[in-house]
Amino acid sequence: SLGPVFAKMREELAELEEIATPAD
């Protein structure tokens, strides 16, 4: 179903944010 796909999308977005967001 679509629910787990949205969960995966949130996971991938979080990974991108973690790498791309400045820590400073």
mmCIF file of all heavy atoms, coordinates in Angstrom:
data_MODEL
# 
_entry.id   MODEL 
# 
loop_
_atom_site.group_PDB 
_atom_site.id 
_atom_site.type_symbol 
_atom_site.label_atom_id 
_atom_site.label_alt_id 
_atom_site.label_comp_id 
_atom_site.label_asym_id 
_atom_site.label_entity_id 
_atom_site.label_seq_id 
_atom_site.pdbx_PDB_ins_code 
_atom_site.Cartn_x 
_atom_site.Cartn_y 
_atom_site.Cartn_z 
_atom_site.occupancy 
_atom_site.B_iso_or_equiv 
_atom_site.pdbx_formal_charge 
_atom_site.auth_seq_id 
_atom_site.auth_comp_id 
_atom_site.auth_asym_id 
_atom_site.auth_atom_id 
_atom_site.pdbx_PDB_model_num 
ATOM 1   N N   . SER A 1 1  ? 0.849  -1.195 0.000  1.00 0.00 ? 1  SER A N   1 
ATOM 2   C CA  . SER A 1 1  ? 0.000  0.000  0.000  1.00 0.00 ? 1  SER A CA  1 
ATOM 3   C C   . SER A 1 1  ? 0.887  1.247  0.000  1.00 0.00 ? 1  SER A C   1 
ATOM 4   O O   . SER A 1 1  ? 2.108  1.167  0.113  1.00 0.00 ? 1  SER A O   1 
ATOM 5   C CB  . SER A 1 1  ? -0.911 0.005  1.231  1.00 0.00 ? 1  SER A CB  1 
ATOM 6   O OG  . SER A 1 1  ? -0.128 0.151  2.409  1.00 0.00 ? 1  SER A OG  1 
ATOM 7   N N   . LEU A 1 2  ? 0.253  2.386  -0.080 1.00 0.00 ? 2  LEU A N   1 
ATOM 8   C CA  . LEU A 1 2  ? 0.978  3.647  -0.159 1.00 0.00 ? 2  LEU A CA  1 
ATOM 9   C C   . LEU A 1 2  ? 1.604  4.064  1.175  1.00 0.00 ? 2  LEU A C   1 
ATOM 10  O O   . LEU A 1 2  ? 2.628  4.749  1.185  1.00 0.00 ? 2  LEU A O   1 
ATOM 11  C CB  . LEU A 1 2  ? 0.016  4.728  -0.656 1.00 0.00 ? 2  LEU A CB  1 
ATOM 12  C CG  . LEU A 1 2  ? 0.593  6.027  -1.157 1.00 0.00 ? 2  LEU A CG  1 
ATOM 13  C CD1 . LEU A 1 2  ? 1.655  5.807  -2.221 1.00 0.00 ? 2  LEU A CD1 1 
ATOM 14  C CD2 . LEU A 1 2  ? -0.508 6.918  -1.705 1.00 0.00 ? 2  LEU A CD2 1 
ATOM 15  N N   . GLY A 1 3  ? 1.031  3.634  2.301  1.00 0.00 ? 3  GLY A N   1 
ATOM 16  C CA  . GLY A 1 3  ? 1.543  4.028  3.621  1.00 0.00 ? 3  GLY A CA  1 
ATOM 17  C C   . GLY A 1 3  ? 3.030  3.781  3.808  1.00 0.00 ? 3  GLY A C   1 
ATOM 18  O O   . GLY A 1 3  ? 3.781  4.695  4.182  1.00 0.00 ? 3  GLY A O   1 
ATOM 19  N N   . PRO A 1 4  ? 3.510  2.569  3.551  1.00 0.00 ? 4  PRO A N   1 
ATOM 20  C CA  . PRO A 1 4  ? 4.949  2.312  3.709  1.00 0.00 ? 4  PRO A CA  1 
ATOM 21  C C   . PRO A 1 4  ? 5.817  3.105  2.719  1.00 0.00 ? 4  PRO A C   1 
ATOM 22  O O   . PRO A 1 4  ? 6.959  3.422  3.014  1.00 0.00 ? 4  PRO A O   1 
ATOM 23  C CB  . PRO A 1 4  ? 5.085  0.811  3.462  1.00 0.00 ? 4  PRO A CB  1 
ATOM 24  C CG  . PRO A 1 4  ? 3.730  0.246  3.643  1.00 0.00 ? 4  PRO A CG  1 
ATOM 25  C CD  . PRO A 1 4  ? 2.755  1.341  3.302  1.00 0.00 ? 4  PRO A CD  1 
ATOM 26  N N   . VAL A 1 5  ? 5.251  3.433  1.565  1.00 0.00 ? 5  VAL A N   1 
ATOM 27  C CA  . VAL A 1 5  ? 6.008  4.223  0.591  1.00 0.00 ? 5  VAL A CA  1 
ATOM 28  C C   . VAL A 1 5  ? 6.207  5.637  1.139  1.00 0.00 ? 5  VAL A C   1 
ATOM 29  O O   . VAL A 1 5  ? 7.298  6.202  1.048  1.00 0.00 ? 5  VAL A O   1 
ATOM 30  C CB  . VAL A 1 5  ? 5.304  4.250  -0.785 1.00 0.00 ? 5  VAL A CB  1 
ATOM 31  C CG1 . VAL A 1 5  ? 6.157  4.992  -1.803 1.00 0.00 ? 5  VAL A CG1 1 
ATOM 32  C CG2 . VAL A 1 5  ? 5.007  2.840  -1.276 1.00 0.00 ? 5  VAL A CG2 1 
ATOM 33  N N   . PHE A 1 6  ? 5.141  6.197  1.734  1.00 0.00 ? 6  PHE A N   1 
ATOM 34  C CA  . PHE A 1 6  ? 5.279  7.515  2.357  1.00 0.00 ? 6  PHE A CA  1 
ATOM 35  C C   . PHE A 1 6  ? 6.273  7.474  3.514  1.00 0.00 ? 6  PHE A C   1 
ATOM 36  O O   . PHE A 1 6  ? 7.057  8.408  3.705  1.00 0.00 ? 6  PHE A O   1 
ATOM 37  C CB  . PHE A 1 6  ? 3.926  8.044  2.854  1.00 0.00 ? 6  PHE A CB  1 
ATOM 38  C CG  . PHE A 1 6  ? 3.080  8.651  1.769  1.00 0.00 ? 6  PHE A CG  1 
ATOM 39  C CD1 . PHE A 1 6  ? 1.768  8.274  1.624  1.00 0.00 ? 6  PHE A CD1 1 
ATOM 40  C CD2 . PHE A 1 6  ? 3.588  9.614  0.911  1.00 0.00 ? 6  PHE A CD2 1 
ATOM 41  C CE1 . PHE A 1 6  ? 0.971  8.840  0.633  1.00 0.00 ? 6  PHE A CE1 1 
ATOM 42  C CE2 . PHE A 1 6  ? 2.808  10.187 -0.082 1.00 0.00 ? 6  PHE A CE2 1 
ATOM 43  C CZ  . PHE A 1 6  ? 1.495  9.794  -0.222 1.00 0.00 ? 6  PHE A CZ  1 
ATOM 44  N N   . ALA A 1 7  ? 6.260  6.391  4.278  1.00 0.00 ? 7  ALA A N   1 
ATOM 45  C CA  . ALA A 1 7  ? 7.212  6.254  5.375  1.00 0.00 ? 7  ALA A CA  1 
ATOM 46  C C   . ALA A 1 7  ? 8.643  6.232  4.830  1.00 0.00 ? 7  ALA A C   1 
ATOM 47  O O   . ALA A 1 7  ? 9.549  6.869  5.398  1.00 0.00 ? 7  ALA A O   1 
ATOM 48  C CB  . ALA A 1 7  ? 6.926  4.990  6.185  1.00 0.00 ? 7  ALA A CB  1 
ATOM 49  N N   . LYS A 1 8  ? 8.854  5.524  3.743  1.00 0.00 ? 8  LYS A N   1 
ATOM 50  C CA  . LYS A 1 8  ? 10.178 5.472  3.120  1.00 0.00 ? 8  LYS A CA  1 
ATOM 51  C C   . LYS A 1 8  ? 10.569 6.855  2.598  1.00 0.00 ? 8  LYS A C   1 
ATOM 52  O O   . LYS A 1 8  ? 11.731 7.270  2.721  1.00 0.00 ? 8  LYS A O   1 
ATOM 53  C CB  . LYS A 1 8  ? 10.185 4.444  1.979  1.00 0.00 ? 8  LYS A CB  1 
ATOM 54  C CG  . LYS A 1 8  ? 11.527 4.255  1.328  1.00 0.00 ? 8  LYS A CG  1 
ATOM 55  C CD  . LYS A 1 8  ? 12.531 3.673  2.306  1.00 0.00 ? 8  LYS A CD  1 
ATOM 56  C CE  . LYS A 1 8  ? 13.826 3.330  1.619  1.00 0.00 ? 8  LYS A CE  1 
ATOM 57  N NZ  . LYS A 1 8  ? 14.841 2.860  2.564  1.00 0.00 ? 8  LYS A NZ  1 
ATOM 58  N N   . MET A 1 9  ? 9.602  7.591  2.054  1.00 0.00 ? 9  MET A N   1 
ATOM 59  C CA  . MET A 1 9  ? 9.882  8.941  1.564  1.00 0.00 ? 9  MET A CA  1 
ATOM 60  C C   . MET A 1 9  ? 10.332 9.843  2.714  1.00 0.00 ? 9  MET A C   1 
ATOM 61  O O   . MET A 1 9  ? 11.307 10.582 2.586  1.00 0.00 ? 9  MET A O   1 
ATOM 62  C CB  . MET A 1 9  ? 8.638  9.528  0.881  1.00 0.00 ? 9  MET A CB  1 
ATOM 63  C CG  . MET A 1 9  ? 8.874  10.876 0.236  1.00 0.00 ? 9  MET A CG  1 
ATOM 64  S SD  . MET A 1 9  ? 7.464  11.470 -0.720 1.00 0.00 ? 9  MET A SD  1 
ATOM 65  C CE  . MET A 1 9  ? 6.258  11.706 0.579  1.00 0.00 ? 9  MET A CE  1 
ATOM 66  N N   . ARG A 1 10 ? 9.643  9.752  3.858  1.00 0.00 ? 10 ARG A N   1 
ATOM 67  C CA  . ARG A 1 10 ? 10.042 10.547 5.029  1.00 0.00 ? 10 ARG A CA  1 
ATOM 68  C C   . ARG A 1 10 ? 11.443 10.142 5.508  1.00 0.00 ? 10 ARG A C   1 
ATOM 69  O O   . ARG A 1 10 ? 12.252 10.990 5.890  1.00 0.00 ? 10 ARG A O   1 
ATOM 70  C CB  . ARG A 1 10 ? 9.013  10.399 6.154  1.00 0.00 ? 10 ARG A CB  1 
ATOM 71  C CG  . ARG A 1 10 ? 7.720  11.159 5.900  1.00 0.00 ? 10 ARG A CG  1 
ATOM 72  C CD  . ARG A 1 10 ? 6.809  11.158 7.108  1.00 0.00 ? 10 ARG A CD  1 
ATOM 73  N NE  . ARG A 1 10 ? 6.288  9.837  7.412  1.00 0.00 ? 10 ARG A NE  1 
ATOM 74  C CZ  . ARG A 1 10 ? 5.196  9.303  6.841  1.00 0.00 ? 10 ARG A CZ  1 
ATOM 75  N NH1 . ARG A 1 10 ? 4.511  9.976  5.955  1.00 0.00 ? 10 ARG A NH1 1 
ATOM 76  N NH2 . ARG A 1 10 ? 4.789  8.107  7.193  1.00 0.00 ? 10 ARG A NH2 1 
ATOM 77  N N   . GLU A 1 11 ? 11.736 8.848  5.473  1.00 0.00 ? 11 GLU A N   1 
ATOM 78  C CA  . GLU A 1 11 ? 13.059 8.365  5.873  1.00 0.00 ? 11 GLU A CA  1 
ATOM 79  C C   . GLU A 1 11 ? 14.147 8.935  4.956  1.00 0.00 ? 11 GLU A C   1 
ATOM 80  O O   . GLU A 1 11 ? 15.176 9.421  5.429  1.00 0.00 ? 11 GLU A O   1 
ATOM 81  C CB  . GLU A 1 11 ? 13.080 6.832  5.818  1.00 0.00 ? 11 GLU A CB  1 
ATOM 82  C CG  . GLU A 1 11 ? 14.443 6.212  6.072  1.00 0.00 ? 11 GLU A CG  1 
ATOM 83  C CD  . GLU A 1 11 ? 14.452 4.716  5.761  1.00 0.00 ? 11 GLU A CD  1 
ATOM 84  O OE1 . GLU A 1 11 ? 13.463 4.021  6.075  1.00 0.00 ? 11 GLU A OE1 1 
ATOM 85  O OE2 . GLU A 1 11 ? 15.468 4.260  5.183  1.00 0.00 ? 11 GLU A OE2 1 
ATOM 86  N N   . GLU A 1 12 ? 13.908 8.886  3.646  1.00 0.00 ? 12 GLU A N   1 
ATOM 87  C CA  . GLU A 1 12 ? 14.891 9.406  2.694  1.00 0.00 ? 12 GLU A CA  1 
ATOM 88  C C   . GLU A 1 12 ? 15.056 10.919 2.836  1.00 0.00 ? 12 GLU A C   1 
ATOM 89  O O   . GLU A 1 12 ? 16.172 11.437 2.748  1.00 0.00 ? 12 GLU A O   1 
ATOM 90  C CB  . GLU A 1 12 ? 14.515 9.042  1.260  1.00 0.00 ? 12 GLU A CB  1 
ATOM 91  C CG  . GLU A 1 12 ? 14.547 7.562  0.954  1.00 0.00 ? 12 GLU A CG  1 
ATOM 92  C CD  . GLU A 1 12 ? 15.914 6.911  1.097  1.00 0.00 ? 12 GLU A CD  1 
ATOM 93  O OE1 . GLU A 1 12 ? 16.940 7.627  1.218  1.00 0.00 ? 12 GLU A OE1 1 
ATOM 94  O OE2 . GLU A 1 12 ? 15.974 5.669  1.097  1.00 0.00 ? 12 GLU A OE2 1 
ATOM 95  N N   . LEU A 1 13 ? 13.963 11.631 3.080  1.00 0.00 ? 13 LEU A N   1 
ATOM 96  C CA  . LEU A 1 13 ? 14.040 13.077 3.282  1.00 0.00 ? 13 LEU A CA  1 
ATOM 97  C C   . LEU A 1 13 ? 14.851 13.393 4.539  1.00 0.00 ? 13 LEU A C   1 
ATOM 98  O O   . LEU A 1 13 ? 15.698 14.289 4.536  1.00 0.00 ? 13 LEU A O   1 
ATOM 99  C CB  . LEU A 1 13 ? 12.643 13.692 3.380  1.00 0.00 ? 13 LEU A CB  1 
ATOM 100 C CG  . LEU A 1 13 ? 12.592 15.195 3.628  1.00 0.00 ? 13 LEU A CG  1 
ATOM 101 C CD1 . LEU A 1 13 ? 13.312 15.963 2.525  1.00 0.00 ? 13 LEU A CD1 1 
ATOM 102 C CD2 . LEU A 1 13 ? 11.147 15.655 3.755  1.00 0.00 ? 13 LEU A CD2 1 
ATOM 103 N N   . ALA A 1 14 ? 14.630 12.633 5.600  1.00 0.00 ? 14 ALA A N   1 
ATOM 104 C CA  . ALA A 1 14 ? 15.381 12.843 6.842  1.00 0.00 ? 14 ALA A CA  1 
ATOM 105 C C   . ALA A 1 14 ? 16.882 12.611 6.617  1.00 0.00 ? 14 ALA A C   1 
ATOM 106 O O   . ALA A 1 14 ? 17.717 13.355 7.137  1.00 0.00 ? 14 ALA A O   1 
ATOM 107 C CB  . ALA A 1 14 ? 14.857 11.929 7.948  1.00 0.00 ? 14 ALA A CB  1 
ATOM 108 N N   . GLU A 1 15 ? 17.219 11.581 5.842  1.00 0.00 ? 15 GLU A N   1 
ATOM 109 C CA  . GLU A 1 15 ? 18.627 11.312 5.553  1.00 0.00 ? 15 GLU A CA  1 
ATOM 110 C C   . GLU A 1 15 ? 19.245 12.462 4.754  1.00 0.00 ? 15 GLU A C   1 
ATOM 111 O O   . GLU A 1 15 ? 20.375 12.872 5.029  1.00 0.00 ? 15 GLU A O   1 
ATOM 112 C CB  . GLU A 1 15 ? 18.770 9.993  4.797  1.00 0.00 ? 15 GLU A CB  1 
ATOM 113 C CG  . GLU A 1 15 ? 18.472 8.784  5.659  1.00 0.00 ? 15 GLU A CG  1 
ATOM 114 C CD  . GLU A 1 15 ? 18.475 7.474  4.887  1.00 0.00 ? 15 GLU A CD  1 
ATOM 115 O OE1 . GLU A 1 15 ? 18.788 7.470  3.675  1.00 0.00 ? 15 GLU A OE1 1 
ATOM 116 O OE2 . GLU A 1 15 ? 18.154 6.440  5.502  1.00 0.00 ? 15 GLU A OE2 1 
ATOM 117 N N   . LEU A 1 16 ? 18.505 12.981 3.786  1.00 0.00 ? 16 LEU A N   1 
ATOM 118 C CA  . LEU A 1 16 ? 19.000 14.116 3.003  1.00 0.00 ? 16 LEU A CA  1 
ATOM 119 C C   . LEU A 1 16 ? 19.175 15.346 3.890  1.00 0.00 ? 16 LEU A C   1 
ATOM 120 O O   . LEU A 1 16 ? 20.201 16.019 3.835  1.00 0.00 ? 16 LEU A O   1 
ATOM 121 C CB  . LEU A 1 16 ? 18.045 14.421 1.850  1.00 0.00 ? 16 LEU A CB  1 
ATOM 122 C CG  . LEU A 1 16 ? 18.403 15.643 0.994  1.00 0.00 ? 16 LEU A CG  1 
ATOM 123 C CD1 . LEU A 1 16 ? 19.761 15.475 0.328  1.00 0.00 ? 16 LEU A CD1 1 
ATOM 124 C CD2 . LEU A 1 16 ? 17.309 15.882 -0.034 1.00 0.00 ? 16 LEU A CD2 1 
ATOM 125 N N   . GLU A 1 17 ? 18.176 15.611 4.727  1.00 0.00 ? 17 GLU A N   1 
ATOM 126 C CA  . GLU A 1 17 ? 18.268 16.768 5.638  1.00 0.00 ? 17 GLU A CA  1 
ATOM 127 C C   . GLU A 1 17 ? 19.471 16.655 6.561  1.00 0.00 ? 17 GLU A C   1 
ATOM 128 O O   . GLU A 1 17 ? 20.174 17.633 6.802  1.00 0.00 ? 17 GLU A O   1 
ATOM 129 C CB  . GLU A 1 17 ? 16.999 16.877 6.493  1.00 0.00 ? 17 GLU A CB  1 
ATOM 130 C CG  . GLU A 1 17 ? 15.869 17.581 5.823  1.00 0.00 ? 17 GLU A CG  1 
ATOM 131 C CD  . GLU A 1 17 ? 14.697 17.764 6.765  1.00 0.00 ? 17 GLU A CD  1 
ATOM 132 O OE1 . GLU A 1 17 ? 14.208 16.754 7.323  1.00 0.00 ? 17 GLU A OE1 1 
ATOM 133 O OE2 . GLU A 1 17 ? 14.274 18.921 6.950  1.00 0.00 ? 17 GLU A OE2 1 
ATOM 134 N N   . GLU A 1 18 ? 19.708 15.457 7.078  1.00 0.00 ? 18 GLU A N   1 
ATOM 135 C CA  . GLU A 1 18 ? 20.820 15.251 8.003  1.00 0.00 ? 18 GLU A CA  1 
ATOM 136 C C   . GLU A 1 18 ? 22.157 15.575 7.349  1.00 0.00 ? 18 GLU A C   1 
ATOM 137 O O   . GLU A 1 18 ? 23.029 16.198 7.958  1.00 0.00 ? 18 GLU A O   1 
ATOM 138 C CB  . GLU A 1 18 ? 20.819 13.793 8.486  1.00 0.00 ? 18 GLU A CB  1 
ATOM 139 C CG  . GLU A 1 18 ? 21.868 13.497 9.525  1.00 0.00 ? 18 GLU A CG  1 
ATOM 140 C CD  . GLU A 1 18 ? 21.790 12.058 10.009 1.00 0.00 ? 18 GLU A CD  1 
ATOM 141 O OE1 . GLU A 1 18 ? 20.670 11.557 10.225 1.00 0.00 ? 18 GLU A OE1 1 
ATOM 142 O OE2 . GLU A 1 18 ? 22.863 11.446 10.142 1.00 0.00 ? 18 GLU A OE2 1 
ATOM 143 N N   . ILE A 1 19 ? 22.311 15.207 6.093  1.00 0.00 ? 19 ILE A N   1 
ATOM 144 C CA  . ILE A 1 19 ? 23.571 15.443 5.404  1.00 0.00 ? 19 ILE A CA  1 
ATOM 145 C C   . ILE A 1 19 ? 23.677 16.870 4.878  1.00 0.00 ? 19 ILE A C   1 
ATOM 146 O O   . ILE A 1 19 ? 24.731 17.488 4.923  1.00 0.00 ? 19 ILE A O   1 
ATOM 147 C CB  . ILE A 1 19 ? 23.738 14.434 4.242  1.00 0.00 ? 19 ILE A CB  1 
ATOM 148 C CG1 . ILE A 1 19 ? 23.944 13.034 4.811  1.00 0.00 ? 19 ILE A CG1 1 
ATOM 149 C CG2 . ILE A 1 19 ? 24.920 14.815 3.354  1.00 0.00 ? 19 ILE A CG2 1 
ATOM 150 C CD1 . ILE A 1 19 ? 23.929 11.950 3.768  1.00 0.00 ? 19 ILE A CD1 1 
ATOM 151 N N   . ALA A 1 20 ? 22.564 17.420 4.395  1.00 0.00 ? 20 ALA A N   1 
ATOM 152 C CA  . ALA A 1 20 ? 22.608 18.708 3.702  1.00 0.00 ? 20 ALA A CA  1 
ATOM 153 C C   . ALA A 1 20 ? 22.395 19.917 4.604  1.00 0.00 ? 20 ALA A C   1 
ATOM 154 O O   . ALA A 1 20 ? 22.671 21.036 4.194  1.00 0.00 ? 20 ALA A O   1 
ATOM 155 C CB  . ALA A 1 20 ? 21.573 18.727 2.581  1.00 0.00 ? 20 ALA A CB  1 
ATOM 156 N N   . THR A 1 21 ? 21.898 19.723 5.817  1.00 0.00 ? 21 THR A N   1 
ATOM 157 C CA  . THR A 1 21 ? 21.632 20.844 6.712  1.00 0.00 ? 21 THR A CA  1 
ATOM 158 C C   . THR A 1 21 ? 22.893 21.201 7.486  1.00 0.00 ? 21 THR A C   1 
ATOM 159 O O   . THR A 1 21 ? 23.497 20.336 8.123  1.00 0.00 ? 21 THR A O   1 
ATOM 160 C CB  . THR A 1 21 ? 20.496 20.494 7.693  1.00 0.00 ? 21 THR A CB  1 
ATOM 161 O OG1 . THR A 1 21 ? 19.347 20.133 6.937  1.00 0.00 ? 21 THR A OG1 1 
ATOM 162 C CG2 . THR A 1 21 ? 20.158 21.672 8.577  1.00 0.00 ? 21 THR A CG2 1 
ATOM 163 N N   . PRO A 1 22 ? 23.267 22.472 7.446  1.00 0.00 ? 22 PRO A N   1 
ATOM 164 C CA  . PRO A 1 22 ? 24.469 22.877 8.181  1.00 0.00 ? 22 PRO A CA  1 
ATOM 165 C C   . PRO A 1 22 ? 24.333 22.608 9.677  1.00 0.00 ? 22 PRO A C   1 
ATOM 166 O O   . PRO A 1 22 ? 23.273 22.847 10.262 1.00 0.00 ? 22 PRO A O   1 
ATOM 167 C CB  . PRO A 1 22 ? 24.560 24.377 7.921  1.00 0.00 ? 22 PRO A CB  1 
ATOM 168 C CG  . PRO A 1 22 ? 23.710 24.631 6.730  1.00 0.00 ? 22 PRO A CG  1 
ATOM 169 C CD  . PRO A 1 22 ? 22.645 23.565 6.735  1.00 0.00 ? 22 PRO A CD  1 
ATOM 170 N N   . ALA A 1 23 ? 25.391 22.103 10.270 1.00 0.00 ? 23 ALA A N   1 
ATOM 171 C CA  . ALA A 1 23 ? 25.395 21.841 11.709 1.00 0.00 ? 23 ALA A CA  1 
ATOM 172 C C   . ALA A 1 23 ? 25.824 23.076 12.489 1.00 0.00 ? 23 ALA A C   1 
ATOM 173 O O   . ALA A 1 23 ? 25.580 23.178 13.678 1.00 0.00 ? 23 ALA A O   1 
ATOM 174 C CB  . ALA A 1 23 ? 26.328 20.679 12.023 1.00 0.00 ? 23 ALA A CB  1 
ATOM 175 N N   . ASP A 1 24 ? 26.462 24.014 11.827 1.00 0.00 ? 24 ASP A N   1 
ATOM 176 C CA  . ASP A 1 24 ? 26.940 25.234 12.460 1.00 0.00 ? 24 ASP A CA  1 
ATOM 177 C C   . ASP A 1 24 ? 25.738 26.076 12.899 1.00 0.00 ? 24 ASP A C   1 
ATOM 178 O O   . ASP A 1 24 ? 24.881 26.409 12.088 1.00 0.00 ? 24 ASP A O   1 
ATOM 179 C CB  . ASP A 1 24 ? 27.798 25.998 11.450 1.00 0.00 ? 24 ASP A CB  1 
ATOM 180 C CG  . ASP A 1 24 ? 28.461 27.235 12.051 1.00 0.00 ? 24 ASP A CG  1 
ATOM 181 O OD1 . ASP A 1 24 ? 27.866 27.847 12.950 1.00 0.00 ? 24 ASP A OD1 1 
ATOM 182 O OD2 . ASP A 1 24 ? 29.558 27.576 11.599 1.00 0.00 ? 24 ASP A OD2 1 
# 
